[in-house]
Amino acid sequence: MYSAAQTGYRFVTDKSPTKKDLRMALRKHDPIANKHVMFYEGKLVPQPKQWKNKARDRWNRLVGRALEPQIKTAKGQLLRKEGVL
């Protein structure tokens, strides 16, 4: 279900098989908008694989592991931005 406030927030819920032909709409709290908004049923889009990498990188930065690949990536981005590469 997707927020009508278009914040990108969504949640997953179950639906009764007897109501599969009807579109579900619920009024729930959207923490990004910090208010109650309508949520409408939509097609579940799979998460991109980059998201898993971002979560892993965030965890590694937090605990101080695997810094070499991150340093290499940041250095490459900086060089590309400066026009060296």
PDB file of N, CA and C in Angstrom:
ATOM      1  N   MET A   1       0.845  -1.158   0.000  1.00  0.00           N
ATOM      2  CA  MET A   1       0.000   0.000   0.000  1.00  0.00           C
ATOM      3  C   MET A   1       0.900   1.234   0.000  1.00  0.00           C
ATOM      4  N   TYR A   2       0.535   2.197  -0.815  1.00  0.00           N
ATOM      5  CA  TYR A   2       1.343   3.391  -0.993  1.00  0.00           C
ATOM      6  C   TYR A   2       0.633   4.612  -0.429  1.00  0.00           C
ATOM      7  N   SER A   3       1.406   5.513   0.149  1.00  0.00           N
ATOM      8  CA  SER A   3       0.866   6.713   0.767  1.00  0.00           C
ATOM      9  C   SER A   3       0.332   7.677  -0.290  1.00  0.00           C
ATOM     10  N   ALA A   4      -0.844   8.249  -0.015  1.00  0.00           N
ATOM     11  CA  ALA A   4      -1.425   9.242  -0.918  1.00  0.00           C
ATOM     12  C   ALA A   4      -0.685  10.573  -0.809  1.00  0.00           C
ATOM     13  N   ALA A   5       0.098  10.757   0.255  1.00  0.00           N
ATOM     14  CA  ALA A   5       0.879  11.982   0.418  1.00  0.00           C
ATOM     15  C   ALA A   5       2.114  11.980  -0.482  1.00  0.00           C
ATOM     16  N   GLN A   6       2.347  10.878  -1.189  1.00  0.00           N
ATOM     17  CA  GLN A   6       3.460  10.716  -2.125  1.00  0.00           C
ATOM     18  C   GLN A   6       4.814  10.946  -1.466  1.00  0.00           C
ATOM     19  N   THR A   7       4.956  10.423  -0.243  1.00  0.00           N
ATOM     20  CA  THR A   7       6.233  10.521   0.453  1.00  0.00           C
ATOM     21  C   THR A   7       7.136   9.346   0.132  1.00  0.00           C
ATOM     22  N   GLY A   8       6.593   8.327  -0.524  1.00  0.00           N
ATOM     23  CA  GLY A   8       7.373   7.138  -0.821  1.00  0.00           C
ATOM     24  C   GLY A   8       7.248   6.075   0.250  1.00  0.00           C
ATOM     25  N   TYR A   9       6.564   6.405   1.339  1.00  0.00           N
ATOM     26  CA  TYR A   9       6.384   5.433   2.414  1.00  0.00           C
ATOM     27  C   TYR A   9       5.336   4.412   1.991  1.00  0.00           C
ATOM     28  N   ARG A  10       5.567   3.154   2.325  1.00  0.00           N
ATOM     29  CA  ARG A  10       4.617   2.100   1.998  1.00  0.00           C
ATOM     30  C   ARG A  10       4.667   1.021   3.058  1.00  0.00           C
ATOM     31  N   PHE A  11       3.637   0.210   3.094  1.00  0.00           N
ATOM     32  CA  PHE A  11       3.638  -0.938   3.976  1.00  0.00           C
ATOM     33  C   PHE A  11       2.905  -2.079   3.298  1.00  0.00           C
ATOM     34  N   VAL A  12       3.139  -3.275   3.795  1.00  0.00           N
ATOM     35  CA  VAL A  12       2.566  -4.478   3.204  1.00  0.00           C
ATOM     36  C   VAL A  12       1.565  -5.063   4.181  1.00  0.00           C
ATOM     37  N   THR A  13       0.438  -5.495   3.666  1.00  0.00           N
ATOM     38  CA  THR A  13      -0.589  -6.115   4.483  1.00  0.00           C
ATOM     39  C   THR A  13      -1.226  -7.252   3.693  1.00  0.00           C
ATOM     40  N   ASP A  14      -1.974  -8.088   4.383  1.00  0.00           N
ATOM     41  CA  ASP A  14      -2.680  -9.189   3.728  1.00  0.00           C
ATOM     42  C   ASP A  14      -4.078  -8.744   3.335  1.00  0.00           C
ATOM     43  N   LYS A  15      -4.629  -9.458   2.358  1.00  0.00           N
ATOM     44  CA  LYS A  15      -5.956  -9.127   1.869  1.00  0.00           C
ATOM     45  C   LYS A  15      -6.768 -10.410   1.774  1.00  0.00           C
ATOM     46  N   SER A  16      -8.014 -10.321   2.121  1.00  0.00           N
ATOM     47  CA  SER A  16      -8.901 -11.473   2.074  1.00  0.00           C
ATOM     48  C   SER A  16      -9.093 -11.938   0.630  1.00  0.00           C
ATOM     49  N   PRO A  17      -9.045 -13.244   0.382  1.00  0.00           N
ATOM     50  CA  PRO A  17      -9.246 -13.741  -0.983  1.00  0.00           C
ATOM     51  C   PRO A  17     -10.635 -13.410  -1.535  1.00  0.00           C
ATOM     52  N   THR A  18     -11.606 -13.231  -0.656  1.00  0.00           N
ATOM     53  CA  THR A  18     -12.953 -12.910  -1.137  1.00  0.00           C
ATOM     54  C   THR A  18     -13.041 -11.484  -1.658  1.00  0.00           C
ATOM     55  N   LYS A  19     -12.095 -10.632  -1.281  1.00  0.00           N
ATOM     56  CA  LYS A  19     -12.113  -9.230  -1.710  1.00  0.00           C
ATOM     57  C   LYS A  19     -10.996  -8.920  -2.703  1.00  0.00           C
ATOM     58  N   LYS A  20     -10.502  -9.948  -3.393  1.00  0.00           N
ATOM     59  CA  LYS A  20      -9.363  -9.750  -4.286  1.00  0.00           C
ATOM     60  C   LYS A  20      -9.678  -8.835  -5.464  1.00  0.00           C
ATOM     61  N   ASP A  21     -10.954  -8.716  -5.840  1.00  0.00           N
ATOM     62  CA  ASP A  21     -11.318  -7.867  -6.976  1.00  0.00           C
ATOM     63  C   ASP A  21     -11.460  -6.399  -6.592  1.00  0.00           C
ATOM     64  N   LEU A  22     -11.547  -6.108  -5.308  1.00  0.00           N
ATOM     65  CA  LEU A  22     -11.716  -4.736  -4.845  1.00  0.00           C
ATOM     66  C   LEU A  22     -10.373  -4.127  -4.480  1.00  0.00           C
ATOM     67  N   ARG A  23     -10.244  -2.849  -4.738  1.00  0.00           N
ATOM     68  CA  ARG A  23      -9.015  -2.137  -4.394  1.00  0.00           C
ATOM     69  C   ARG A  23      -9.102  -1.685  -2.942  1.00  0.00           C
ATOM     70  N   MET A  24      -8.085  -1.985  -2.166  1.00  0.00           N
ATOM     71  CA  MET A  24      -8.090  -1.654  -0.751  1.00  0.00           C
ATOM     72  C   MET A  24      -7.550  -0.240  -0.532  1.00  0.00           C
ATOM     73  N   ALA A  25      -8.172   0.467   0.417  1.00  0.00           N
ATOM     74  CA  ALA A  25      -7.717   1.797   0.814  1.00  0.00           C
ATOM     75  C   ALA A  25      -7.884   1.897   2.324  1.00  0.00           C
ATOM     76  N   LEU A  26      -6.835   2.322   3.004  1.00  0.00           N
ATOM     77  CA  LEU A  26      -6.868   2.449   4.460  1.00  0.00           C
ATOM     78  C   LEU A  26      -6.318   3.811   4.864  1.00  0.00           C
ATOM     79  N   ARG A  27      -6.790   4.299   5.989  1.00  0.00           N
ATOM     80  CA  ARG A  27      -6.257   5.544   6.541  1.00  0.00           C
ATOM     81  C   ARG A  27      -5.292   5.157   7.654  1.00  0.00           C
ATOM     82  N   LYS A  28      -4.016   5.392   7.422  1.00  0.00           N
ATOM     83  CA  LYS A  28      -2.971   5.012   8.371  1.00  0.00           C
ATOM     84  C   LYS A  28      -2.027   6.196   8.578  1.00  0.00           C
ATOM     85  N   HIS A  29      -1.149   6.049   9.568  1.00  0.00           N
ATOM     86  CA  HIS A  29      -0.180   7.102   9.874  1.00  0.00           C
ATOM     87  C   HIS A  29       1.029   6.972   8.961  1.00  0.00           C
ATOM     88  N   ASP A  30       1.408   8.067   8.344  1.00  0.00           N
ATOM     89  CA  ASP A  30       2.608   8.130   7.513  1.00  0.00           C
ATOM     90  C   ASP A  30       3.688   8.837   8.328  1.00  0.00           C
ATOM     91  N   PRO A  31       4.738   8.125   8.779  1.00  0.00           N
ATOM     92  CA  PRO A  31       5.752   8.748   9.628  1.00  0.00           C
ATOM     93  C   PRO A  31       6.574   9.820   8.914  1.00  0.00           C
ATOM     94  N   ILE A  32       6.667   9.770   7.603  1.00  0.00           N
ATOM     95  CA  ILE A  32       7.431  10.784   6.886  1.00  0.00           C
ATOM     96  C   ILE A  32       6.647  12.095   6.846  1.00  0.00           C
ATOM     97  N   ALA A  33       5.343  12.001   6.569  1.00  0.00           N
ATOM     98  CA  ALA A  33       4.493  13.194   6.567  1.00  0.00           C
ATOM     99  C   ALA A  33       4.068  13.562   7.989  1.00  0.00           C
ATOM    100  N   ASN A  34       4.217  12.628   8.915  1.00  0.00           N
ATOM    101  CA  ASN A  34       3.862  12.792  10.325  1.00  0.00           C
ATOM    102  C   ASN A  34       2.386  13.161  10.504  1.00  0.00           C
ATOM    103  N   LYS A  35       1.537  12.470   9.732  1.00  0.00           N
ATOM    104  CA  LYS A  35       0.094  12.637   9.889  1.00  0.00           C
ATOM    105  C   LYS A  35      -0.608  11.428   9.278  1.00  0.00           C
ATOM    106  N   HIS A  36      -1.894  11.312   9.550  1.00  0.00           N
ATOM    107  CA  HIS A  36      -2.682  10.236   8.978  1.00  0.00           C
ATOM    108  C   HIS A  36      -3.066  10.601   7.550  1.00  0.00           C
ATOM    109  N   VAL A  37      -2.821   9.670   6.634  1.00  0.00           N
ATOM    110  CA  VAL A  37      -3.159   9.871   5.227  1.00  0.00           C
ATOM    111  C   VAL A  37      -3.768   8.581   4.689  1.00  0.00           C
ATOM    112  N   MET A  38      -4.343   8.664   3.520  1.00  0.00           N
ATOM    113  CA  MET A  38      -4.898   7.476   2.871  1.00  0.00           C
ATOM    114  C   MET A  38      -3.763   6.681   2.225  1.00  0.00           C
ATOM    115  N   PHE A  39      -3.863   5.377   2.343  1.00  0.00           N
ATOM    116  CA  PHE A  39      -2.941   4.463   1.682  1.00  0.00           C
ATOM    117  C   PHE A  39      -3.758   3.646   0.697  1.00  0.00           C
ATOM    118  N   TYR A  40      -3.272   3.549  -0.533  1.00  0.00           N
ATOM    119  CA  TYR A  40      -3.982   2.826  -1.572  1.00  0.00           C
ATOM    120  C   TYR A  40      -3.173   1.625  -2.014  1.00  0.00           C
ATOM    121  N   GLU A  41      -3.903   0.599  -2.395  1.00  0.00           N
ATOM    122  CA  GLU A  41      -3.268  -0.624  -2.851  1.00  0.00           C
ATOM    123  C   GLU A  41      -2.588  -0.376  -4.192  1.00  0.00           C
ATOM    124  N   GLY A  42      -1.401  -0.895  -4.315  1.00  0.00           N
ATOM    125  CA  GLY A  42      -0.661  -0.772  -5.568  1.00  0.00           C
ATOM    126  C   GLY A  42       0.175  -2.014  -5.778  1.00  0.00           C
ATOM    127  N   LYS A  43       0.734  -2.120  -6.938  1.00  0.00           N
ATOM    128  CA  LYS A  43       1.563  -3.267  -7.256  1.00  0.00           C
ATOM    129  C   LYS A  43       2.862  -3.193  -6.463  1.00  0.00           C
ATOM    130  N   LEU A  44       3.258  -4.295  -5.884  1.00  0.00           N
ATOM    131  CA  LEU A  44       4.481  -4.349  -5.093  1.00  0.00           C
ATOM    132  C   LEU A  44       5.682  -4.374  -6.034  1.00  0.00           C
ATOM    133  N   VAL A  45       6.502  -3.352  -5.948  1.00  0.00           N
ATOM    134  CA  VAL A  45       7.687  -3.235  -6.797  1.00  0.00           C
ATOM    135  C   VAL A  45       8.875  -3.794  -6.024  1.00  0.00           C
ATOM    136  N   PRO A  46       9.645  -4.712  -6.615  1.00  0.00           N
ATOM    137  CA  PRO A  46      10.790  -5.259  -5.890  1.00  0.00           C
ATOM    138  C   PRO A  46      11.846  -4.191  -5.625  1.00  0.00           C
ATOM    139  N   GLN A  47      12.506  -4.309  -4.489  1.00  0.00           N
ATOM    140  CA  GLN A  47      13.560  -3.367  -4.123  1.00  0.00           C
ATOM    141  C   GLN A  47      14.762  -3.563  -5.040  1.00  0.00           C
ATOM    142  N   PRO A  48      15.391  -2.480  -5.466  1.00  0.00           N
ATOM    143  CA  PRO A  48      16.600  -2.642  -6.267  1.00  0.00           C
ATOM    144  C   PRO A  48      17.729  -3.235  -5.426  1.00  0.00           C
ATOM    145  N   LYS A  49      18.630  -3.930  -6.077  1.00  0.00           N
ATOM    146  CA  LYS A  49      19.724  -4.570  -5.354  1.00  0.00           C
ATOM    147  C   LYS A  49      20.666  -3.555  -4.734  1.00  0.00           C
ATOM    148  N   GLN A  50      20.678  -2.337  -5.260  1.00  0.00           N
ATOM    149  CA  GLN A  50      21.542  -1.302  -4.702  1.00  0.00           C
ATOM    150  C   GLN A  50      21.167  -1.012  -3.255  1.00  0.00           C
ATOM    151  N   TRP A  51      19.876  -1.140  -2.921  1.00  0.00           N
ATOM    152  CA  TRP A  51      19.432  -0.837  -1.561  1.00  0.00           C
ATOM    153  C   TRP A  51      20.134  -1.750  -0.561  1.00  0.00           C
ATOM    154  N   LYS A  52      20.265  -3.029  -0.905  1.00  0.00           N
ATOM    155  CA  LYS A  52      20.929  -3.961  -0.006  1.00  0.00           C
ATOM    156  C   LYS A  52      22.389  -3.553   0.182  1.00  0.00           C
ATOM    157  N   ASN A  53      23.029  -3.113  -0.900  1.00  0.00           N
ATOM    158  CA  ASN A  53      24.416  -2.680  -0.800  1.00  0.00           C
ATOM    159  C   ASN A  53      24.534  -1.429   0.055  1.00  0.00           C
ATOM    160  N   LYS A  54      23.584  -0.502  -0.076  1.00  0.00           N
ATOM    161  CA  LYS A  54      23.631   0.717   0.716  1.00  0.00           C
ATOM    162  C   LYS A  54      23.471   0.404   2.192  1.00  0.00           C
ATOM    163  N   ALA A  55      22.577  -0.522   2.515  1.00  0.00           N
ATOM    164  CA  ALA A  55      22.379  -0.896   3.911  1.00  0.00           C
ATOM    165  C   ALA A  55      23.643  -1.560   4.460  1.00  0.00           C
ATOM    166  N   ARG A  56      24.259  -2.415   3.643  1.00  0.00           N
ATOM    167  CA  ARG A  56      25.490  -3.075   4.075  1.00  0.00           C
ATOM    168  C   ARG A  56      26.603  -2.054   4.277  1.00  0.00           C
ATOM    169  N   ASP A  57      26.732  -1.105   3.341  1.00  0.00           N
ATOM    170  CA  ASP A  57      27.767  -0.081   3.461  1.00  0.00           C
ATOM    171  C   ASP A  57      27.545   0.789   4.687  1.00  0.00           C
ATOM    172  N   ARG A  58      26.291   1.120   4.952  1.00  0.00           N
ATOM    173  CA  ARG A  58      25.971   1.935   6.126  1.00  0.00           C
ATOM    174  C   ARG A  58      26.389   1.199   7.406  1.00  0.00           C
ATOM    175  N   TRP A  59      26.126  -0.107   7.452  1.00  0.00           N
ATOM    176  CA  TRP A  59      26.500  -0.897   8.618  1.00  0.00           C
ATOM    177  C   TRP A  59      28.023  -0.967   8.748  1.00  0.00           C
ATOM    178  N   ASN A  60      28.714  -1.167   7.642  1.00  0.00           N
ATOM    179  CA  ASN A  60      30.173  -1.247   7.678  1.00  0.00           C
ATOM    180  C   ASN A  60      30.797   0.059   8.145  1.00  0.00           C
ATOM    181  N   ARG A  61      30.233   1.195   7.718  1.00  0.00           N
ATOM    182  CA  ARG A  61      30.736   2.481   8.198  1.00  0.00           C
ATOM    183  C   ARG A  61      30.518   2.622   9.695  1.00  0.00           C
ATOM    184  N   LEU A  62      29.385   2.139  10.171  1.00  0.00           N
ATOM    185  CA  LEU A  62      29.061   2.245  11.587  1.00  0.00           C
ATOM    186  C   LEU A  62      30.045   1.455  12.438  1.00  0.00           C
ATOM    187  N   VAL A  63      30.374   0.243  12.011  1.00  0.00           N
ATOM    188  CA  VAL A  63      31.251  -0.609  12.808  1.00  0.00           C
ATOM    189  C   VAL A  63      32.714  -0.496  12.402  1.00  0.00           C
ATOM    190  N   GLY A  64      33.020   0.249  11.323  1.00  0.00           N
ATOM    191  CA  GLY A  64      34.409   0.476  10.930  1.00  0.00           C
ATOM    192  C   GLY A  64      35.036  -0.661  10.161  1.00  0.00           C
ATOM    193  N   ARG A  65      34.231  -1.466   9.470  1.00  0.00           N
ATOM    194  CA  ARG A  65      34.751  -2.581   8.684  1.00  0.00           C
ATOM    195  C   ARG A  65      34.729  -2.245   7.195  1.00  0.00           C
ATOM    196  N   ALA A  66      35.586  -2.919   6.450  1.00  0.00           N
ATOM    197  CA  ALA A  66      35.612  -2.838   4.980  1.00  0.00           C
ATOM    198  C   ALA A  66      35.718  -1.399   4.489  1.00  0.00           C
ATOM    199  N   LEU A  67      36.667  -0.665   5.015  1.00  0.00           N
ATOM    200  CA  LEU A  67      36.816   0.736   4.633  1.00  0.00           C
ATOM    201  C   LEU A  67      37.551   0.910   3.302  1.00  0.00           C
ATOM    202  N   GLU A  68      38.412  -0.042   2.926  1.00  0.00           N
ATOM    203  CA  GLU A  68      39.210   0.107   1.714  1.00  0.00           C
ATOM    204  C   GLU A  68      38.345   0.265   0.462  1.00  0.00           C
ATOM    205  N   PRO A  69      37.323  -0.578   0.242  1.00  0.00           N
ATOM    206  CA  PRO A  69      36.493  -0.376  -0.959  1.00  0.00           C
ATOM    207  C   PRO A  69      35.765   0.966  -0.947  1.00  0.00           C
ATOM    208  N   GLN A  70      35.354   1.416   0.211  1.00  0.00           N
ATOM    209  CA  GLN A  70      34.653   2.694   0.306  1.00  0.00           C
ATOM    210  C   GLN A  70      35.599   3.852   0.004  1.00  0.00           C
ATOM    211  N   ILE A  71      36.839   3.752   0.481  1.00  0.00           N
ATOM    212  CA  ILE A  71      37.832   4.793   0.208  1.00  0.00           C
ATOM    213  C   ILE A  71      38.140   4.831  -1.285  1.00  0.00           C
ATOM    214  N   LYS A  72      38.278   3.647  -1.899  1.00  0.00           N
ATOM    215  CA  LYS A  72      38.561   3.565  -3.328  1.00  0.00           C
ATOM    216  C   LYS A  72      37.416   4.175  -4.146  1.00  0.00           C
ATOM    217  N   THR A  73      36.178   3.874  -3.770  1.00  0.00           N
ATOM    218  CA  THR A  73      35.015   4.422  -4.472  1.00  0.00           C
ATOM    219  C   THR A  73      34.951   5.931  -4.334  1.00  0.00           C
ATOM    220  N   ALA A  74      35.159   6.434  -3.123  1.00  0.00           N
ATOM    221  CA  ALA A  74      35.098   7.880  -2.884  1.00  0.00           C
ATOM    222  C   ALA A  74      36.207   8.600  -3.642  1.00  0.00           C
ATOM    223  N   LYS A  75      37.391   7.997  -3.675  1.00  0.00           N
ATOM    224  CA  LYS A  75      38.516   8.606  -4.387  1.00  0.00           C
ATOM    225  C   LYS A  75      38.222   8.667  -5.887  1.00  0.00           C
ATOM    226  N   GLY A  76      37.653   7.588  -6.439  1.00  0.00           N
ATOM    227  CA  GLY A  76      37.298   7.571  -7.857  1.00  0.00           C
ATOM    228  C   GLY A  76      36.239   8.610  -8.193  1.00  0.00           C
ATOM    229  N   GLN A  77      35.245   8.748  -7.322  1.00  0.00           N
ATOM    230  CA  GLN A  77      34.196   9.748  -7.554  1.00  0.00           C
ATOM    231  C   GLN A  77      34.776  11.156  -7.517  1.00  0.00           C
ATOM    232  N   LEU A  78      35.687  11.402  -6.602  1.00  0.00           N
ATOM    233  CA  LEU A  78      36.306  12.720  -6.496  1.00  0.00           C
ATOM    234  C   LEU A  78      37.133  13.034  -7.740  1.00  0.00           C
ATOM    235  N   LEU A  79      37.895  12.047  -8.215  1.00  0.00           N
ATOM    236  CA  LEU A  79      38.707  12.259  -9.408  1.00  0.00           C
ATOM    237  C   LEU A  79      37.831  12.493 -10.636  1.00  0.00           C
ATOM    238  N   ARG A  80      36.712  11.761 -10.740  1.00  0.00           N
ATOM    239  CA  ARG A  80      35.797  11.969 -11.856  1.00  0.00           C
ATOM    240  C   ARG A  80      35.171  13.356 -11.802  1.00  0.00           C
ATOM    241  N   LYS A  81      34.858  13.803 -10.592  1.00  0.00           N
ATOM    242  CA  LYS A  81      34.239  15.119 -10.430  1.00  0.00           C
ATOM    243  C   LYS A  81      35.212  16.225 -10.825  1.00  0.00           C
ATOM    244  N   GLU A  82      36.497  16.022 -10.516  1.00  0.00           N
ATOM    245  CA  GLU A  82      37.514  17.022 -10.854  1.00  0.00           C
ATOM    246  C   GLU A  82      37.924  16.950 -12.322  1.00  0.00           C
ATOM    247  N   GLY A  83      37.514  15.900 -13.018  1.00  0.00           N
ATOM    248  CA  GLY A  83      37.822  15.778 -14.437  1.00  0.00           C
ATOM    249  C   GLY A  83      39.130  15.087 -14.724  1.00  0.00           C
ATOM    250  N   VAL A  84      39.754  14.465 -13.733  1.00  0.00           N
ATOM    251  CA  VAL A  84      41.016  13.763 -13.945  1.00  0.00           C
ATOM    252  C   VAL A  84      40.767  12.459 -14.688  1.00  0.00           C
ATOM    253  N   LEU A  85      39.681  11.760 -14.358  1.00  0.00           N
ATOM    254  CA  LEU A  85      39.366  10.488 -15.025  1.00  0.00           C
ATOM    255  C   LEU A  85      38.317  10.670 -16.086  1.00  0.00           C
TER     256      LEU A  85
END
